[in-house]
Amino acid sequence: MISVLILAMYIGSMITGYIVVSHRAEWSIQSSTAHNFSRNRLEQFRGGRWSTLSLPPMDELIPSNFPPIDMGLNMTNYLTIITISINPPVKMVKSDTVWSSSGKLFTNSLTTYVSP
């Protein structure tokens, strides 16, 4: 009788461990996906043209050119662009990817500074 109880506890703990590991693996995959998406949005931003020396000066790095994008996987990316300085010209860009897992919201953020 005691051996059956020990066996049931052993099997129950194995099943619980499997469930916990699968949830953590899913969370890790979603977090990696959100991070890569944030990185891709920053690369899109860096690919824009910004030249203060051309005539007329060109600046494609404005918020209206980078609207929020919904990935469809419970992930949405927001790009925040702030002009830090005009002379010398410096902008800060922050890429926030908001995603949900198990009913909770998480945010992966990347920030960088750019200059023409």
C-alpha atoms as a PDB file:
ATOM      1  CA  MET A   1       0.000   0.000   0.000  1.00  0.00           C
ATOM      2  CA  ILE A   2       2.794   2.432   0.875  1.00  0.00           C
ATOM      3  CA  SER A   3       4.643   1.533  -2.326  1.00  0.00           C
ATOM      4  CA  VAL A   4       1.543   2.422  -4.376  1.00  0.00           C
ATOM      5  CA  LEU A   5       1.357   5.785  -2.582  1.00  0.00           C
ATOM      6  CA  ILE A   6       5.045   6.452  -3.279  1.00  0.00           C
ATOM      7  CA  LEU A   7       4.576   5.445  -6.930  1.00  0.00           C
ATOM      8  CA  ALA A   8       1.553   7.769  -7.268  1.00  0.00           C
ATOM      9  CA  MET A   9       3.536  10.669  -5.772  1.00  0.00           C
ATOM     10  CA  TYR A  10       6.428   9.929  -8.134  1.00  0.00           C
ATOM     11  CA  ILE A  11       4.208   9.854 -11.230  1.00  0.00           C
ATOM     12  CA  GLY A  12       2.326  12.975 -10.098  1.00  0.00           C
ATOM     13  CA  SER A  13       5.560  14.909  -9.608  1.00  0.00           C
ATOM     14  CA  MET A  14       6.806  13.825 -13.049  1.00  0.00           C
ATOM     15  CA  ILE A  15       3.607  15.046 -14.707  1.00  0.00           C
ATOM     16  CA  THR A  16       3.740  18.345 -12.800  1.00  0.00           C
ATOM     17  CA  GLY A  17       7.397  18.793 -13.764  1.00  0.00           C
ATOM     18  CA  TYR A  18       6.592  18.163 -17.424  1.00  0.00           C
ATOM     19  CA  ILE A  19       3.800  20.764 -17.361  1.00  0.00           C
ATOM     20  CA  VAL A  20       6.026  23.383 -15.702  1.00  0.00           C
ATOM     21  CA  VAL A  21       8.863  22.754 -18.169  1.00  0.00           C
ATOM     22  CA  SER A  22       6.531  23.012 -21.164  1.00  0.00           C
ATOM     23  CA  HIS A  23       5.139  26.346 -19.909  1.00  0.00           C
ATOM     24  CA  ARG A  24       8.656  27.743 -19.399  1.00  0.00           C
ATOM     25  CA  ALA A  25       9.722  26.548 -22.849  1.00  0.00           C
ATOM     26  CA  GLU A  26       6.704  28.250 -24.425  1.00  0.00           C
ATOM     27  CA  TRP A  27       7.442  31.464 -22.502  1.00  0.00           C
ATOM     28  CA  SER A  28      11.085  31.360 -23.607  1.00  0.00           C
ATOM     29  CA  ILE A  29      10.118  30.916 -27.274  1.00  0.00           C
ATOM     30  CA  GLN A  30       7.674  33.832 -27.124  1.00  0.00           C
ATOM     31  CA  SER A  31      10.235  36.040 -25.381  1.00  0.00           C
ATOM     32  CA  SER A  32      12.869  35.240 -28.027  1.00  0.00           C
ATOM     33  CA  THR A  33      10.379  35.966 -30.795  1.00  0.00           C
ATOM     34  CA  ALA A  34       9.483  39.323 -29.222  1.00  0.00           C
ATOM     35  CA  HIS A  35      13.170  40.224 -28.851  1.00  0.00           C
ATOM     36  CA  ASN A  36      13.868  39.392 -32.491  1.00  0.00           C
ATOM     37  CA  PHE A  37      10.856  41.417 -33.578  1.00  0.00           C
ATOM     38  CA  SER A  38      12.097  44.428 -31.572  1.00  0.00           C
ATOM     39  CA  ARG A  39      15.515  44.058 -33.168  1.00  0.00           C
ATOM     40  CA  ASN A  40      14.009  43.892 -36.661  1.00  0.00           C
ATOM     41  CA  ARG A  41      12.020  47.086 -36.049  1.00  0.00           C
ATOM     42  CA  LEU A  42      15.203  48.876 -34.954  1.00  0.00           C
ATOM     43  CA  GLU A  43      16.898  47.702 -38.140  1.00  0.00           C
ATOM     44  CA  GLN A  44      13.975  49.074 -40.177  1.00  0.00           C
ATOM     45  CA  PHE A  45      14.437  52.383 -38.387  1.00  0.00           C
ATOM     46  CA  ARG A  46      18.189  52.419 -39.036  1.00  0.00           C
ATOM     47  CA  GLY A  47      17.488  51.749 -42.715  1.00  0.00           C
ATOM     48  CA  GLY A  48      15.590  55.039 -43.044  1.00  0.00           C
ATOM     49  CA  ARG A  49      17.250  58.070 -44.607  1.00  0.00           C
ATOM     50  CA  TRP A  50      18.288  61.009 -42.466  1.00  0.00           C
ATOM     51  CA  SER A  51      20.645  63.588 -43.919  1.00  0.00           C
ATOM     52  CA  THR A  52      21.160  67.087 -42.610  1.00  0.00           C
ATOM     53  CA  LEU A  53      23.754  67.894 -45.297  1.00  0.00           C
ATOM     54  CA  SER A  54      21.577  67.308 -48.366  1.00  0.00           C
ATOM     55  CA  LEU A  55      19.534  70.073 -49.979  1.00  0.00           C
ATOM     56  CA  PRO A  56      16.782  70.011 -48.926  1.00  0.00           C
ATOM     57  CA  PRO A  57      17.552  68.154 -45.670  1.00  0.00           C
ATOM     58  CA  MET A  58      15.944  64.714 -45.563  1.00  0.00           C
ATOM     59  CA  ASP A  59      14.455  63.064 -42.490  1.00  0.00           C
ATOM     60  CA  GLU A  60      12.421  59.879 -42.929  1.00  0.00           C
ATOM     61  CA  LEU A  61      12.921  58.919 -39.294  1.00  0.00           C
ATOM     62  CA  ILE A  62       9.631  60.304 -38.002  1.00  0.00           C
ATOM     63  CA  PRO A  63       6.993  58.489 -35.915  1.00  0.00           C
ATOM     64  CA  SER A  64       4.335  58.515 -38.657  1.00  0.00           C
ATOM     65  CA  ASN A  65       6.613  56.344 -40.837  1.00  0.00           C
ATOM     66  CA  PHE A  66       6.746  53.659 -38.123  1.00  0.00           C
ATOM     67  CA  PRO A  67       3.201  52.871 -36.939  1.00  0.00           C
ATOM     68  CA  PRO A  68       2.536  50.108 -34.381  1.00  0.00           C
ATOM     69  CA  ILE A  69       2.596  46.633 -35.930  1.00  0.00           C
ATOM     70  CA  ASP A  70       0.429  43.765 -34.716  1.00  0.00           C
ATOM     71  CA  MET A  71       2.152  40.430 -35.288  1.00  0.00           C
ATOM     72  CA  GLY A  72      -0.998  38.386 -34.773  1.00  0.00           C
ATOM     73  CA  LEU A  73       0.758  36.183 -32.191  1.00  0.00           C
ATOM     74  CA  ASN A  74      -0.465  38.288 -29.263  1.00  0.00           C
ATOM     75  CA  MET A  75       2.483  40.601 -30.025  1.00  0.00           C
ATOM     76  CA  THR A  76       2.435  44.274 -30.883  1.00  0.00           C
ATOM     77  CA  ASN A  77       5.465  46.475 -31.523  1.00  0.00           C
ATOM     78  CA  TYR A  78       5.596  50.187 -30.747  1.00  0.00           C
ATOM     79  CA  LEU A  79       8.430  52.427 -31.900  1.00  0.00           C
ATOM     80  CA  THR A  80       9.049  55.614 -29.905  1.00  0.00           C
ATOM     81  CA  ILE A  81      11.213  58.267 -31.571  1.00  0.00           C
ATOM     82  CA  ILE A  82      12.470  61.244 -29.567  1.00  0.00           C
ATOM     83  CA  THR A  83      14.725  64.039 -30.817  1.00  0.00           C
ATOM     84  CA  ILE A  84      17.387  64.402 -28.135  1.00  0.00           C
ATOM     85  CA  SER A  85      19.445  67.181 -29.705  1.00  0.00           C
ATOM     86  CA  ILE A  86      19.272  69.370 -32.801  1.00  0.00           C
ATOM     87  CA  ASN A  87      22.911  70.418 -32.793  1.00  0.00           C
ATOM     88  CA  PRO A  88      24.465  67.862 -33.010  1.00  0.00           C
ATOM     89  CA  PRO A  89      21.453  65.960 -34.393  1.00  0.00           C
ATOM     90  CA  VAL A  90      20.685  62.952 -32.198  1.00  0.00           C
ATOM     91  CA  LYS A  91      17.541  60.856 -31.921  1.00  0.00           C
ATOM     92  CA  MET A  92      16.621  58.162 -29.453  1.00  0.00           C
ATOM     93  CA  VAL A  93      14.507  55.271 -30.673  1.00  0.00           C
ATOM     94  CA  LYS A  94      12.890  52.716 -28.397  1.00  0.00           C
ATOM     95  CA  SER A  95      11.331  49.521 -29.721  1.00  0.00           C
ATOM     96  CA  ASP A  96       8.779  47.959 -27.338  1.00  0.00           C
ATOM     97  CA  THR A  97       7.218  44.619 -28.153  1.00  0.00           C
ATOM     98  CA  VAL A  98       4.265  43.844 -25.904  1.00  0.00           C
ATOM     99  CA  TRP A  99       3.201  40.207 -25.745  1.00  0.00           C
ATOM    100  CA  SER A 100       1.086  37.975 -23.557  1.00  0.00           C
ATOM    101  CA  SER A 101       1.602  34.546 -22.112  1.00  0.00           C
ATOM    102  CA  SER A 102      -0.755  32.726 -19.742  1.00  0.00           C
ATOM    103  CA  GLY A 103      -2.888  35.848 -19.390  1.00  0.00           C
ATOM    104  CA  LYS A 104       0.018  38.095 -18.317  1.00  0.00           C
ATOM    105  CA  LEU A 105       1.515  40.961 -20.339  1.00  0.00           C
ATOM    106  CA  PHE A 106       5.262  41.221 -20.900  1.00  0.00           C
ATOM    107  CA  THR A 107       7.350  43.839 -22.711  1.00  0.00           C
ATOM    108  CA  ASN A 108      10.701  43.420 -24.460  1.00  0.00           C
ATOM    109  CA  SER A 109      12.388  46.795 -25.013  1.00  0.00           C
ATOM    110  CA  LEU A 110      15.450  47.859 -26.984  1.00  0.00           C
ATOM    111  CA  THR A 111      16.748  51.428 -27.090  1.00  0.00           C
ATOM    112  CA  THR A 112      19.406  53.010 -29.276  1.00  0.00           C
ATOM    113  CA  TYR A 113      20.628  56.468 -30.275  1.00  0.00           C
ATOM    114  CA  VAL A 114      21.194  57.498 -33.893  1.00  0.00           C
ATOM    115  CA  SER A 115      22.780  60.405 -35.680  1.00  0.00           C
ATOM    116  CA  PRO A 116      23.018  61.147 -39.414  1.00  0.00           C
END
